[in-house]
Amino acid sequence: MFSMNEITFQAMIEVLGKPKEHVESALKIYVEKIRQDKAYQILKLIIASPKKREKEELWSAFAEVKIKTTEISKLVHFCIDYMPSMIEVLEPIELKMQDIELSDFLSDLQAKLHGIDMVAKQVHMENDLLKRNMGALLGNYITLLLRSSNMDAKQLSDLTGLEKSKLEDFMDRLIDKGKVDLKGTIYSLKK
C-alpha cells in the first residue's frame, strides 16, 4: 500500500448499551485497541462520561480522537474496524495517487469488505438455523401442551411466553401443515 507524509483525521466513536459500566468499559477497550495499533498515533483524546438516554434504559458515551497515520488504507481500516459515527480528514488538504496506488487501495478495501460480507453471511445462516430450530422446538412444545388439553391462544401464549399475535401466526402455520385444528377460539391436535 502506498504511503504519504501524514494523514491526520479526527473521529467520534460512540458506544450505546447497558448497563452504564459496560458502556464505559467497551469505550475504554476501543480506545486501548487504537492506542496499541502501531498504525495510529493518537494526538488528542476526549472521553465523555456516559449519559442516560431519555425514554430508554440505555447509556451512551463517546470518545473524540484526533489521529495521525501514514497510510490511507489504515484510515479506511479504522472506519471499518471502529465504525466511527463521524470522521473528518484534517490533513492533507489534497491526496494524489497514481493508478497502481489506487488499484492497490481498492483491492485492499475489497478484501476487507469481502471479509465483512463473509461474516454477515455466516451470521445470517446461523440465525436462519436458530429460527428453524426454535420453530421446531415451539411446535413440539405446543404439541405436548395440546395433548393434555385443548386451549385458546391466550392460554398457549401464557404457557409458551410468546406474544399472543405471534403465537396465532405460528398456530396458523401449524393449521396449514395439518397438525392443529381450530374450532371457534380453541386449538386442538388434529387426529
N, C-alpha and C. Protein backbone atom coordinates (compact mmCIF):
# COMPACT_ATOMS: atom_id res chain seq x y z
N MET A 1 0.85 -1.17 0.00
CA MET A 1 0.00 0.00 0.00
C MET A 1 0.89 1.23 0.00
N PHE A 2 0.41 2.28 -0.59
CA PHE A 2 1.25 3.47 -0.71
C PHE A 2 1.27 4.26 0.58
N SER A 3 2.31 5.05 0.74
CA SER A 3 2.46 5.88 1.92
C SER A 3 2.42 7.34 1.51
N MET A 4 2.03 8.15 2.43
CA MET A 4 2.04 9.59 2.23
C MET A 4 2.84 10.17 3.39
N ASN A 5 3.01 11.46 3.38
CA ASN A 5 3.72 12.05 4.50
C ASN A 5 2.97 11.79 5.79
N GLU A 6 1.76 12.27 5.88
CA GLU A 6 0.92 12.01 7.06
C GLU A 6 -0.53 12.31 6.72
N ILE A 7 -1.41 11.56 7.33
CA ILE A 7 -2.84 11.83 7.24
C ILE A 7 -3.31 12.05 8.68
N THR A 8 -3.89 13.19 8.91
CA THR A 8 -4.43 13.50 10.23
C THR A 8 -5.94 13.57 10.10
N PHE A 9 -6.62 12.89 11.00
CA PHE A 9 -8.08 12.89 10.97
C PHE A 9 -8.61 12.90 12.40
N GLN A 10 -9.84 13.31 12.51
CA GLN A 10 -10.50 13.18 13.81
C GLN A 10 -11.77 12.38 13.61
N ALA A 11 -12.11 11.66 14.66
CA ALA A 11 -13.26 10.77 14.58
C ALA A 11 -13.99 10.76 15.92
N MET A 12 -15.25 10.43 15.84
CA MET A 12 -16.07 10.26 17.04
C MET A 12 -16.50 8.81 17.09
N ILE A 13 -16.18 8.16 18.20
CA ILE A 13 -16.57 6.76 18.41
C ILE A 13 -17.61 6.75 19.52
N GLU A 14 -18.76 6.16 19.23
CA GLU A 14 -19.85 6.13 20.21
C GLU A 14 -20.17 4.69 20.59
N VAL A 15 -20.54 4.53 21.86
CA VAL A 15 -20.97 3.22 22.36
C VAL A 15 -22.32 3.43 23.02
N LEU A 16 -23.26 2.53 22.71
CA LEU A 16 -24.60 2.59 23.26
C LEU A 16 -24.92 1.23 23.84
N GLY A 17 -25.47 1.19 25.05
CA GLY A 17 -25.83 -0.08 25.65
C GLY A 17 -26.20 0.07 27.11
N LYS A 18 -26.20 -1.05 27.80
CA LYS A 18 -26.44 -1.06 29.23
C LYS A 18 -25.75 -2.26 29.82
N PRO A 19 -25.41 -2.25 31.03
CA PRO A 19 -25.51 -1.15 31.99
C PRO A 19 -24.42 -0.10 31.73
N LYS A 20 -24.46 0.95 32.51
CA LYS A 20 -23.53 2.06 32.38
C LYS A 20 -22.07 1.58 32.40
N GLU A 21 -21.76 0.65 33.29
CA GLU A 21 -20.40 0.15 33.44
C GLU A 21 -19.91 -0.55 32.17
N HIS A 22 -20.82 -1.25 31.49
CA HIS A 22 -20.46 -1.92 30.24
C HIS A 22 -20.11 -0.89 29.16
N VAL A 23 -20.87 0.19 29.09
CA VAL A 23 -20.63 1.24 28.10
C VAL A 23 -19.26 1.87 28.34
N GLU A 24 -18.96 2.18 29.60
CA GLU A 24 -17.65 2.75 29.95
C GLU A 24 -16.53 1.79 29.58
N SER A 25 -16.69 0.54 29.94
CA SER A 25 -15.67 -0.47 29.68
C SER A 25 -15.45 -0.68 28.18
N ALA A 26 -16.53 -0.78 27.42
CA ALA A 26 -16.42 -1.01 25.97
C ALA A 26 -15.70 0.15 25.29
N LEU A 27 -15.99 1.36 25.71
CA LEU A 27 -15.33 2.53 25.12
C LEU A 27 -13.84 2.54 25.45
N LYS A 28 -13.50 2.19 26.68
CA LYS A 28 -12.08 2.12 27.07
C LYS A 28 -11.35 1.05 26.26
N ILE A 29 -12.01 -0.07 26.00
CA ILE A 29 -11.40 -1.14 25.21
C ILE A 29 -11.14 -0.66 23.78
N TYR A 30 -12.11 0.04 23.19
CA TYR A 30 -11.92 0.59 21.84
C TYR A 30 -10.71 1.51 21.81
N VAL A 31 -10.64 2.44 22.76
CA VAL A 31 -9.55 3.41 22.79
C VAL A 31 -8.21 2.70 23.00
N GLU A 32 -8.18 1.72 23.88
CA GLU A 32 -6.94 0.99 24.14
C GLU A 32 -6.48 0.22 22.90
N LYS A 33 -7.42 -0.34 22.17
CA LYS A 33 -7.09 -1.05 20.94
C LYS A 33 -6.46 -0.10 19.92
N ILE A 34 -6.98 1.11 19.83
CA ILE A 34 -6.40 2.11 18.92
C ILE A 34 -4.99 2.48 19.38
N ARG A 35 -4.84 2.68 20.69
CA ARG A 35 -3.52 3.03 21.24
C ARG A 35 -2.47 1.97 20.92
N GLN A 36 -2.87 0.71 20.98
CA GLN A 36 -1.92 -0.38 20.77
C GLN A 36 -1.58 -0.62 19.30
N ASP A 37 -2.41 -0.12 18.41
CA ASP A 37 -2.17 -0.31 16.98
C ASP A 37 -1.10 0.67 16.51
N LYS A 38 0.01 0.15 16.05
CA LYS A 38 1.15 0.98 15.64
C LYS A 38 0.85 1.84 14.41
N ALA A 39 -0.24 1.54 13.70
CA ALA A 39 -0.60 2.32 12.52
C ALA A 39 -1.18 3.69 12.89
N TYR A 40 -1.58 3.85 14.15
CA TYR A 40 -2.23 5.09 14.57
C TYR A 40 -1.46 5.75 15.70
N GLN A 41 -1.36 7.06 15.61
CA GLN A 41 -0.79 7.85 16.70
C GLN A 41 -1.89 8.79 17.18
N ILE A 42 -2.31 8.61 18.43
CA ILE A 42 -3.36 9.47 18.98
C ILE A 42 -2.72 10.80 19.37
N LEU A 43 -3.24 11.87 18.79
CA LEU A 43 -2.75 13.21 19.07
C LEU A 43 -3.57 13.90 20.17
N LYS A 44 -4.87 13.56 20.19
CA LYS A 44 -5.77 14.17 21.16
C LYS A 44 -6.89 13.18 21.45
N LEU A 45 -7.30 13.12 22.70
CA LEU A 45 -8.36 12.19 23.10
C LEU A 45 -9.23 12.85 24.15
N ILE A 46 -10.52 12.84 23.89
CA ILE A 46 -11.52 13.31 24.86
C ILE A 46 -12.54 12.19 25.02
N ILE A 47 -12.69 11.72 26.26
CA ILE A 47 -13.68 10.68 26.55
C ILE A 47 -14.77 11.29 27.41
N ALA A 48 -15.99 11.25 26.92
CA ALA A 48 -17.13 11.80 27.66
C ALA A 48 -17.70 10.73 28.59
N SER A 49 -18.20 11.16 29.71
CA SER A 49 -18.86 10.25 30.65
C SER A 49 -20.17 9.76 30.06
N PRO A 50 -20.55 8.53 30.36
CA PRO A 50 -21.83 8.01 29.85
C PRO A 50 -23.01 8.84 30.34
N LYS A 51 -23.96 8.99 29.46
CA LYS A 51 -25.19 9.71 29.79
C LYS A 51 -26.37 8.78 29.49
N LYS A 52 -27.36 8.84 30.35
CA LYS A 52 -28.54 8.01 30.16
C LYS A 52 -29.43 8.66 29.11
N ARG A 53 -29.90 7.85 28.19
CA ARG A 53 -30.79 8.33 27.14
C ARG A 53 -32.19 8.52 27.70
N GLU A 54 -32.83 9.60 27.33
CA GLU A 54 -34.20 9.84 27.77
C GLU A 54 -35.12 8.79 27.16
N LYS A 55 -36.10 8.37 27.91
CA LYS A 55 -37.14 7.43 27.48
C LYS A 55 -36.59 6.04 27.15
N GLU A 56 -35.34 5.77 27.45
CA GLU A 56 -34.75 4.45 27.18
C GLU A 56 -33.94 4.04 28.39
N GLU A 57 -33.72 2.76 28.51
CA GLU A 57 -32.88 2.24 29.58
C GLU A 57 -31.46 2.03 29.08
N LEU A 58 -31.03 2.88 28.17
CA LEU A 58 -29.71 2.74 27.56
C LEU A 58 -28.80 3.90 27.94
N TRP A 59 -27.51 3.62 27.92
CA TRP A 59 -26.49 4.61 28.20
C TRP A 59 -25.67 4.81 26.94
N SER A 60 -25.20 6.04 26.74
CA SER A 60 -24.33 6.31 25.60
C SER A 60 -23.11 7.09 26.07
N ALA A 61 -21.99 6.83 25.43
CA ALA A 61 -20.76 7.55 25.71
C ALA A 61 -19.99 7.67 24.40
N PHE A 62 -19.11 8.66 24.34
CA PHE A 62 -18.33 8.81 23.12
C PHE A 62 -16.91 9.22 23.44
N ALA A 63 -16.05 8.94 22.48
CA ALA A 63 -14.66 9.39 22.54
C ALA A 63 -14.41 10.17 21.26
N GLU A 64 -13.82 11.34 21.42
CA GLU A 64 -13.41 12.12 20.26
C GLU A 64 -11.89 11.99 20.17
N VAL A 65 -11.41 11.50 19.04
CA VAL A 65 -9.97 11.27 18.88
C VAL A 65 -9.44 12.00 17.66
N LYS A 66 -8.25 12.52 17.82
CA LYS A 66 -7.51 13.09 16.69
C LYS A 66 -6.32 12.17 16.49
N ILE A 67 -6.17 11.65 15.27
CA ILE A 67 -5.22 10.58 15.00
C ILE A 67 -4.38 10.92 13.77
N LYS A 68 -3.14 10.44 13.82
CA LYS A 68 -2.24 10.58 12.68
C LYS A 68 -1.87 9.19 12.20
N THR A 69 -1.85 9.03 10.87
CA THR A 69 -1.41 7.78 10.25
C THR A 69 -0.71 8.10 8.95
N THR A 70 -0.01 7.14 8.38
CA THR A 70 0.72 7.40 7.14
C THR A 70 0.16 6.65 5.95
N GLU A 71 -0.85 5.83 6.14
CA GLU A 71 -1.43 5.06 5.05
C GLU A 71 -2.92 5.32 4.95
N ILE A 72 -3.38 5.64 3.76
CA ILE A 72 -4.81 5.87 3.57
C ILE A 72 -5.59 4.59 3.83
N SER A 73 -4.97 3.43 3.55
CA SER A 73 -5.65 2.17 3.81
C SER A 73 -5.94 2.01 5.31
N LYS A 74 -5.04 2.52 6.14
CA LYS A 74 -5.26 2.44 7.60
C LYS A 74 -6.42 3.34 8.02
N LEU A 75 -6.60 4.44 7.32
CA LEU A 75 -7.76 5.31 7.59
C LEU A 75 -9.05 4.54 7.27
N VAL A 76 -9.05 3.86 6.13
CA VAL A 76 -10.24 3.07 5.75
C VAL A 76 -10.44 1.92 6.74
N HIS A 77 -9.36 1.23 7.12
CA HIS A 77 -9.47 0.15 8.10
C HIS A 77 -10.02 0.67 9.42
N PHE A 78 -9.59 1.87 9.81
CA PHE A 78 -10.11 2.49 11.03
C PHE A 78 -11.63 2.63 10.93
N CYS A 79 -12.09 3.12 9.78
CA CYS A 79 -13.54 3.31 9.59
C CYS A 79 -14.29 1.98 9.69
N ILE A 80 -13.72 0.94 9.11
CA ILE A 80 -14.40 -0.37 9.13
C ILE A 80 -14.30 -1.02 10.50
N ASP A 81 -13.12 -0.97 11.13
CA ASP A 81 -12.91 -1.65 12.40
C ASP A 81 -13.60 -0.97 13.58
N TYR A 82 -13.65 0.36 13.57
CA TYR A 82 -14.17 1.09 14.73
C TYR A 82 -15.52 1.76 14.48
N MET A 83 -15.98 1.75 13.25
CA MET A 83 -17.29 2.29 12.88
C MET A 83 -17.56 3.65 13.54
N PRO A 84 -16.69 4.64 13.33
CA PRO A 84 -16.94 5.94 13.95
C PRO A 84 -18.23 6.56 13.41
N SER A 85 -18.90 7.32 14.25
CA SER A 85 -20.13 7.97 13.81
C SER A 85 -19.81 9.23 13.00
N MET A 86 -18.58 9.72 13.11
CA MET A 86 -18.16 10.88 12.37
C MET A 86 -16.66 10.76 12.12
N ILE A 87 -16.24 11.16 10.93
CA ILE A 87 -14.81 11.20 10.62
C ILE A 87 -14.55 12.41 9.73
N GLU A 88 -13.44 13.07 10.00
CA GLU A 88 -13.07 14.25 9.23
C GLU A 88 -11.56 14.22 8.99
N VAL A 89 -11.17 14.25 7.72
CA VAL A 89 -9.76 14.32 7.37
C VAL A 89 -9.33 15.78 7.52
N LEU A 90 -8.31 16.00 8.34
CA LEU A 90 -7.82 17.36 8.59
C LEU A 90 -6.64 17.72 7.69
N GLU A 91 -5.75 16.77 7.49
CA GLU A 91 -4.58 16.97 6.64
C GLU A 91 -4.25 15.68 5.94
N PRO A 92 -3.77 15.68 4.75
CA PRO A 92 -3.53 16.82 3.88
C PRO A 92 -4.82 17.31 3.24
N ILE A 93 -4.77 18.48 2.68
CA ILE A 93 -5.95 19.05 2.02
C ILE A 93 -6.23 18.31 0.72
N GLU A 94 -5.19 17.82 0.09
CA GLU A 94 -5.33 17.13 -1.19
C GLU A 94 -4.52 15.84 -1.17
N LEU A 95 -5.11 14.77 -1.71
CA LEU A 95 -4.42 13.49 -1.82
C LEU A 95 -4.19 13.18 -3.30
N LYS A 96 -2.96 12.82 -3.65
CA LYS A 96 -2.66 12.45 -5.03
C LYS A 96 -2.22 10.99 -5.04
N MET A 97 -2.74 10.24 -6.03
CA MET A 97 -2.39 8.83 -6.16
C MET A 97 -2.11 8.50 -7.61
N GLN A 98 -1.25 7.55 -7.79
CA GLN A 98 -1.04 7.01 -9.12
C GLN A 98 -2.01 5.86 -9.31
N ASP A 99 -2.22 5.44 -10.54
CA ASP A 99 -3.19 4.39 -10.84
C ASP A 99 -2.91 3.10 -10.08
N ILE A 100 -1.66 2.69 -9.99
CA ILE A 100 -1.32 1.46 -9.28
C ILE A 100 -1.62 1.59 -7.78
N GLU A 101 -1.39 2.77 -7.24
CA GLU A 101 -1.68 3.01 -5.82
C GLU A 101 -3.18 2.93 -5.57
N LEU A 102 -3.97 3.53 -6.47
CA LEU A 102 -5.42 3.49 -6.33
C LEU A 102 -5.92 2.05 -6.48
N SER A 103 -5.36 1.31 -7.42
CA SER A 103 -5.75 -0.09 -7.61
C SER A 103 -5.44 -0.93 -6.37
N ASP A 104 -4.23 -0.74 -5.81
CA ASP A 104 -3.87 -1.47 -4.59
C ASP A 104 -4.81 -1.11 -3.44
N PHE A 105 -5.11 0.18 -3.33
CA PHE A 105 -6.00 0.65 -2.27
C PHE A 105 -7.38 0.01 -2.42
N LEU A 106 -7.93 0.04 -3.64
CA LEU A 106 -9.27 -0.52 -3.85
C LEU A 106 -9.29 -2.04 -3.65
N SER A 107 -8.21 -2.71 -4.04
CA SER A 107 -8.13 -4.16 -3.80
C SER A 107 -8.11 -4.47 -2.31
N ASP A 108 -7.38 -3.68 -1.55
CA ASP A 108 -7.32 -3.86 -0.10
C ASP A 108 -8.69 -3.61 0.52
N LEU A 109 -9.36 -2.57 0.04
CA LEU A 109 -10.71 -2.25 0.53
C LEU A 109 -11.67 -3.39 0.21
N GLN A 110 -11.59 -3.91 -1.01
CA GLN A 110 -12.47 -5.02 -1.40
C GLN A 110 -12.22 -6.26 -0.54
N ALA A 111 -10.97 -6.55 -0.25
CA ALA A 111 -10.65 -7.70 0.59
C ALA A 111 -11.29 -7.54 1.97
N LYS A 112 -11.21 -6.34 2.53
CA LYS A 112 -11.81 -6.07 3.84
C LYS A 112 -13.34 -6.23 3.75
N LEU A 113 -13.94 -5.69 2.70
CA LEU A 113 -15.40 -5.78 2.54
C LEU A 113 -15.84 -7.23 2.32
N HIS A 114 -15.06 -8.01 1.58
CA HIS A 114 -15.40 -9.43 1.39
C HIS A 114 -15.34 -10.18 2.72
N GLY A 115 -14.37 -9.84 3.57
CA GLY A 115 -14.29 -10.44 4.90
C GLY A 115 -15.53 -10.13 5.73
N ILE A 116 -15.97 -8.88 5.67
CA ILE A 116 -17.17 -8.47 6.40
C ILE A 116 -18.40 -9.18 5.84
N ASP A 117 -18.48 -9.27 4.51
CA ASP A 117 -19.60 -9.95 3.87
C ASP A 117 -19.66 -11.42 4.27
N MET A 118 -18.51 -12.06 4.35
CA MET A 118 -18.45 -13.47 4.74
C MET A 118 -18.98 -13.65 6.16
N VAL A 119 -18.58 -12.76 7.07
CA VAL A 119 -19.07 -12.83 8.45
C VAL A 119 -20.59 -12.61 8.48
N ALA A 120 -21.07 -11.63 7.73
CA ALA A 120 -22.51 -11.34 7.70
C ALA A 120 -23.30 -12.54 7.18
N LYS A 121 -22.79 -13.19 6.14
CA LYS A 121 -23.48 -14.37 5.59
C LYS A 121 -23.49 -15.52 6.60
N GLN A 122 -22.38 -15.70 7.31
CA GLN A 122 -22.29 -16.75 8.32
C GLN A 122 -23.31 -16.49 9.44
N VAL A 123 -23.38 -15.25 9.90
CA VAL A 123 -24.33 -14.90 10.96
C VAL A 123 -25.76 -15.10 10.46
N HIS A 124 -26.02 -14.74 9.20
CA HIS A 124 -27.35 -14.93 8.63
C HIS A 124 -27.73 -16.41 8.58
N MET A 125 -26.80 -17.26 8.16
CA MET A 125 -27.06 -18.70 8.13
C MET A 125 -27.32 -19.25 9.53
N GLU A 126 -26.51 -18.82 10.50
CA GLU A 126 -26.71 -19.28 11.88
C GLU A 126 -28.06 -18.81 12.42
N ASN A 127 -28.44 -17.58 12.08
CA ASN A 127 -29.72 -17.03 12.52
C ASN A 127 -30.88 -17.84 11.92
N ASP A 128 -30.79 -18.16 10.63
CA ASP A 128 -31.83 -18.98 9.99
C ASP A 128 -31.94 -20.34 10.67
N LEU A 129 -30.79 -20.96 10.97
CA LEU A 129 -30.79 -22.26 11.64
C LEU A 129 -31.44 -22.16 13.03
N LEU A 130 -31.09 -21.12 13.76
CA LEU A 130 -31.69 -20.92 15.09
C LEU A 130 -33.20 -20.74 14.99
N LYS A 131 -33.65 -19.97 14.01
CA LYS A 131 -35.09 -19.76 13.83
C LYS A 131 -35.81 -21.07 13.53
N ARG A 132 -35.21 -21.88 12.63
CA ARG A 132 -35.83 -23.18 12.31
C ARG A 132 -35.89 -24.07 13.54
N ASN A 133 -34.78 -24.12 14.28
CA ASN A 133 -34.74 -24.97 15.48
C ASN A 133 -35.72 -24.48 16.54
N MET A 134 -35.80 -23.16 16.72
CA MET A 134 -36.75 -22.61 17.70
C MET A 134 -38.19 -22.89 17.27
N GLY A 135 -38.44 -22.80 15.96
CA GLY A 135 -39.78 -23.12 15.45
C GLY A 135 -40.14 -24.57 15.70
N ALA A 136 -39.18 -25.46 15.47
CA ALA A 136 -39.43 -26.89 15.72
C ALA A 136 -39.65 -27.14 17.21
N LEU A 137 -38.85 -26.51 18.03
CA LEU A 137 -38.98 -26.66 19.49
C LEU A 137 -40.34 -26.15 19.96
N LEU A 138 -40.74 -24.98 19.46
CA LEU A 138 -42.04 -24.41 19.83
C LEU A 138 -43.17 -25.33 19.37
N GLY A 139 -43.04 -25.86 18.14
CA GLY A 139 -44.06 -26.79 17.64
C GLY A 139 -44.17 -28.02 18.51
N ASN A 140 -43.04 -28.56 18.93
CA ASN A 140 -43.05 -29.75 19.82
C ASN A 140 -43.69 -29.40 21.16
N TYR A 141 -43.36 -28.24 21.70
CA TYR A 141 -43.91 -27.83 23.00
C TYR A 141 -45.42 -27.64 22.91
N ILE A 142 -45.88 -27.01 21.84
CA ILE A 142 -47.33 -26.81 21.66
C ILE A 142 -48.03 -28.15 21.50
N THR A 143 -47.40 -29.07 20.77
CA THR A 143 -47.97 -30.41 20.62
C THR A 143 -48.14 -31.09 21.98
N LEU A 144 -47.11 -31.00 22.83
CA LEU A 144 -47.21 -31.57 24.18
C LEU A 144 -48.31 -30.90 24.99
N LEU A 145 -48.42 -29.59 24.89
CA LEU A 145 -49.46 -28.87 25.64
C LEU A 145 -50.86 -29.27 25.18
N LEU A 146 -51.04 -29.40 23.86
CA LEU A 146 -52.37 -29.72 23.33
C LEU A 146 -52.72 -31.20 23.51
N ARG A 147 -51.73 -32.04 23.78
CA ARG A 147 -52.03 -33.45 24.10
C ARG A 147 -52.76 -33.54 25.43
N SER A 148 -52.41 -32.64 26.36
CA SER A 148 -53.04 -32.70 27.68
C SER A 148 -54.42 -32.05 27.68
N SER A 149 -54.60 -30.96 26.92
CA SER A 149 -55.94 -30.36 26.83
C SER A 149 -55.96 -29.34 25.70
N ASN A 150 -57.15 -29.12 25.17
CA ASN A 150 -57.33 -28.10 24.14
C ASN A 150 -57.25 -26.72 24.80
N MET A 151 -56.73 -25.74 24.06
CA MET A 151 -56.51 -24.42 24.67
C MET A 151 -56.79 -23.33 23.65
N ASP A 152 -57.05 -22.13 24.20
CA ASP A 152 -57.18 -20.97 23.32
C ASP A 152 -55.81 -20.27 23.19
N ALA A 153 -55.74 -19.24 22.37
CA ALA A 153 -54.48 -18.55 22.09
C ALA A 153 -53.89 -17.91 23.34
N LYS A 154 -54.74 -17.36 24.21
CA LYS A 154 -54.22 -16.70 25.41
C LYS A 154 -53.55 -17.72 26.33
N GLN A 155 -54.19 -18.87 26.51
CA GLN A 155 -53.59 -19.91 27.36
C GLN A 155 -52.24 -20.37 26.80
N LEU A 156 -52.20 -20.61 25.50
CA LEU A 156 -50.95 -21.04 24.87
C LEU A 156 -49.89 -19.95 24.96
N SER A 157 -50.32 -18.73 24.79
CA SER A 157 -49.40 -17.59 24.89
C SER A 157 -48.81 -17.50 26.29
N ASP A 158 -49.64 -17.65 27.29
CA ASP A 158 -49.17 -17.60 28.68
C ASP A 158 -48.18 -18.73 28.98
N LEU A 159 -48.44 -19.91 28.46
CA LEU A 159 -47.59 -21.06 28.73
C LEU A 159 -46.27 -21.06 27.94
N THR A 160 -46.30 -20.51 26.73
CA THR A 160 -45.09 -20.51 25.90
C THR A 160 -44.26 -19.25 26.08
N GLY A 161 -44.90 -18.18 26.55
CA GLY A 161 -44.19 -16.91 26.69
C GLY A 161 -44.13 -16.14 25.38
N LEU A 162 -44.81 -16.63 24.36
CA LEU A 162 -44.83 -15.97 23.06
C LEU A 162 -46.01 -15.01 23.01
N GLU A 163 -45.77 -13.82 22.50
CA GLU A 163 -46.82 -12.81 22.37
C GLU A 163 -48.01 -13.42 21.61
N LYS A 164 -49.23 -13.09 22.05
CA LYS A 164 -50.44 -13.72 21.52
C LYS A 164 -50.54 -13.61 20.00
N SER A 165 -50.30 -12.44 19.43
CA SER A 165 -50.43 -12.28 17.98
C SER A 165 -49.40 -13.12 17.23
N LYS A 166 -48.17 -13.21 17.76
CA LYS A 166 -47.14 -14.04 17.12
C LYS A 166 -47.48 -15.53 17.27
N LEU A 167 -48.04 -15.89 18.42
CA LEU A 167 -48.45 -17.28 18.62
C LEU A 167 -49.56 -17.65 17.64
N GLU A 168 -50.51 -16.74 17.43
CA GLU A 168 -51.59 -17.02 16.49
C GLU A 168 -51.06 -17.20 15.07
N ASP A 169 -50.06 -16.40 14.68
CA ASP A 169 -49.43 -16.57 13.37
C ASP A 169 -48.77 -17.96 13.28
N PHE A 170 -48.08 -18.35 14.34
CA PHE A 170 -47.42 -19.66 14.37
C PHE A 170 -48.47 -20.77 14.30
N MET A 171 -49.56 -20.60 15.02
CA MET A 171 -50.62 -21.61 15.02
C MET A 171 -51.25 -21.73 13.64
N ASP A 172 -51.37 -20.61 12.92
CA ASP A 172 -51.90 -20.66 11.54
C ASP A 172 -51.03 -21.55 10.67
N ARG A 173 -49.71 -21.49 10.85
CA ARG A 173 -48.80 -22.34 10.08
C ARG A 173 -48.99 -23.81 10.45
N LEU A 174 -49.22 -24.09 11.74
CA LEU A 174 -49.47 -25.48 12.16
C LEU A 174 -50.79 -26.00 11.60
N ILE A 175 -51.78 -25.12 11.49
CA ILE A 175 -53.06 -25.50 10.89
C ILE A 175 -52.85 -25.81 9.40
N ASP A 176 -52.09 -24.94 8.70
CA ASP A 176 -51.81 -25.15 7.28
C ASP A 176 -51.07 -26.45 7.03
N LYS A 177 -50.22 -26.86 7.99
CA LYS A 177 -49.46 -28.11 7.87
C LYS A 177 -50.30 -29.32 8.25
N GLY A 178 -51.52 -29.09 8.73
CA GLY A 178 -52.41 -30.19 9.10
C GLY A 178 -52.12 -30.80 10.45
N LYS A 179 -51.43 -30.08 11.32
CA LYS A 179 -51.09 -30.62 12.63
C LYS A 179 -52.07 -30.19 13.72
N VAL A 180 -52.75 -29.07 13.51
CA VAL A 180 -53.63 -28.49 14.54
C VAL A 180 -54.95 -28.10 13.90
N ASP A 181 -56.03 -28.20 14.69
CA ASP A 181 -57.36 -27.74 14.28
C ASP A 181 -57.74 -26.53 15.13
N LEU A 182 -58.59 -25.68 14.57
CA LEU A 182 -59.13 -24.53 15.31
C LEU A 182 -60.63 -24.56 15.16
N LYS A 183 -61.32 -24.69 16.30
CA LYS A 183 -62.78 -24.64 16.31
C LYS A 183 -63.18 -23.49 17.21
N GLY A 184 -63.72 -22.44 16.58
CA GLY A 184 -64.01 -21.22 17.35
C GLY A 184 -62.70 -20.56 17.74
N THR A 185 -62.44 -20.53 19.04
CA THR A 185 -61.16 -19.95 19.52
C THR A 185 -60.27 -21.01 20.15
N ILE A 186 -60.68 -22.28 20.07
CA ILE A 186 -59.96 -23.36 20.75
C ILE A 186 -59.12 -24.17 19.76
N TYR A 187 -57.86 -24.33 20.12
CA TYR A 187 -56.94 -25.14 19.34
C TYR A 187 -56.91 -26.56 19.88
N SER A 188 -56.78 -27.53 18.97
CA SER A 188 -56.63 -28.94 19.37
C SER A 188 -55.72 -29.62 18.36
N LEU A 189 -55.15 -30.76 18.79
CA LEU A 189 -54.34 -31.53 17.87
C LEU A 189 -55.24 -32.21 16.85
N LYS A 190 -54.77 -32.26 15.63
CA LYS A 190 -55.51 -32.94 14.59
C LYS A 190 -55.37 -34.44 14.79
N LYS A 191 -56.44 -35.14 14.66
CA LYS A 191 -56.42 -36.58 14.91
C LYS A 191 -56.26 -37.36 13.65
